[in-house]
Amino acid sequence: MSASDARPPGSLVIVGTPIGNLGDLSPRATEALRLATVIACEDTRRTGRLLSGIGVRGTRLIVTNEHTEARVSEHVVGLIASGESVALVSDAGMPIVSDPGAVLVAAVIAAGLTVEVVPGPSAVVTALALSGIIGDRFCFEGFLPRKGSARDRRIAALVTEQRTAVLFEAPHRVARTVADLTAALGSDRYLAICRELTKKFEETWRGSLGDAVEFLAAREPRGEFVLVLHGAAAPSDPTDEDIEAEVARSLRLGHSRRDAADEVARRLGVSRRRAYETAVRLGSGEDGPDQAEPEQPGS
């Protein structure tokens, strides 16, 4: 075959698919799946049912999940370079969002080939819209680690996170996750529990974390869950009494006035001068060379 007969490069088309209701598949997404010569998918059975529902048959499917993605990416890049149109789908919703696809997309981009996207349903924004929480600023936590220090760190970060947080959870772990959140964040934080979004038995429960523990304990959780957690309240400015109490505590622990001021300024977010003046006032006796320490530039 001569160079003039070679097919032009194809493209990778990221296609958002329904999260439960086939009626949510857009006409553009349907067309993209019909035109694709290859479809990279998580599970051939689930994607096969989707394609059957829109009358698409015979399209080649390549399993691209967390176990195979790295291995098949080079092959898919070769297909696109040879002129194939490859659609990338997940089992539900937008690929890459807590689903495989990022490795493949990066490989196609690195090869200088075209990547397109056909937006579609997303459990993240669907749950956020249902929650009743203002969604101007939010973060997506996905699935928390199942155990260990990684899980503890992620939950600890939510204690002071002021943005609304959206989490995914499996039915057999959702009660434990809500209990762990309650233990760390307190029982009053507002939570929306969204289950089986867009499906026949869709349900949204709204209330406090403490009440959520009781709600989940009273039933057997079934289906797929999305948790929407209200953000933490913005911290108020520390009062003189707050600073004095923290400085006094640090001094009682044997810290010098300088070290006490450093620690309290860092923890409470106040100026070092303010903390140091409090330490000088509370301190007794000589405190070494930092007794009359001047404010450092930029403090």
Foldseek 3Di string as FASTA:
>chain_A
DDPVPFAAFAEEEFEAAAPADNVQRDPVSLVLVQQFQEEEEQDCVLVVVSCVVSPHDDRHYHHCFPVCPLPCLVVVLVCRRRPGYYYYYYSHGTDPQLTDDPNNVVSNVVVVHHYHYDHGDDPQVLQVVVQPDDQPDEEEPEEAPPDDPSNVVVLLVQLQFQHKYKYKDAQVCPLVVLVVNCVRNNFAWKKWKWFSPPHPPTDIDIGTSNVVNVVPVVDRGDGIIMMITHGDDDDDQDDLVRLLVQLVVVVVVVDFLQVSLVVSCVVRVHDSVSSSVSNLVPDDDDRPPCNPPDDDPPD
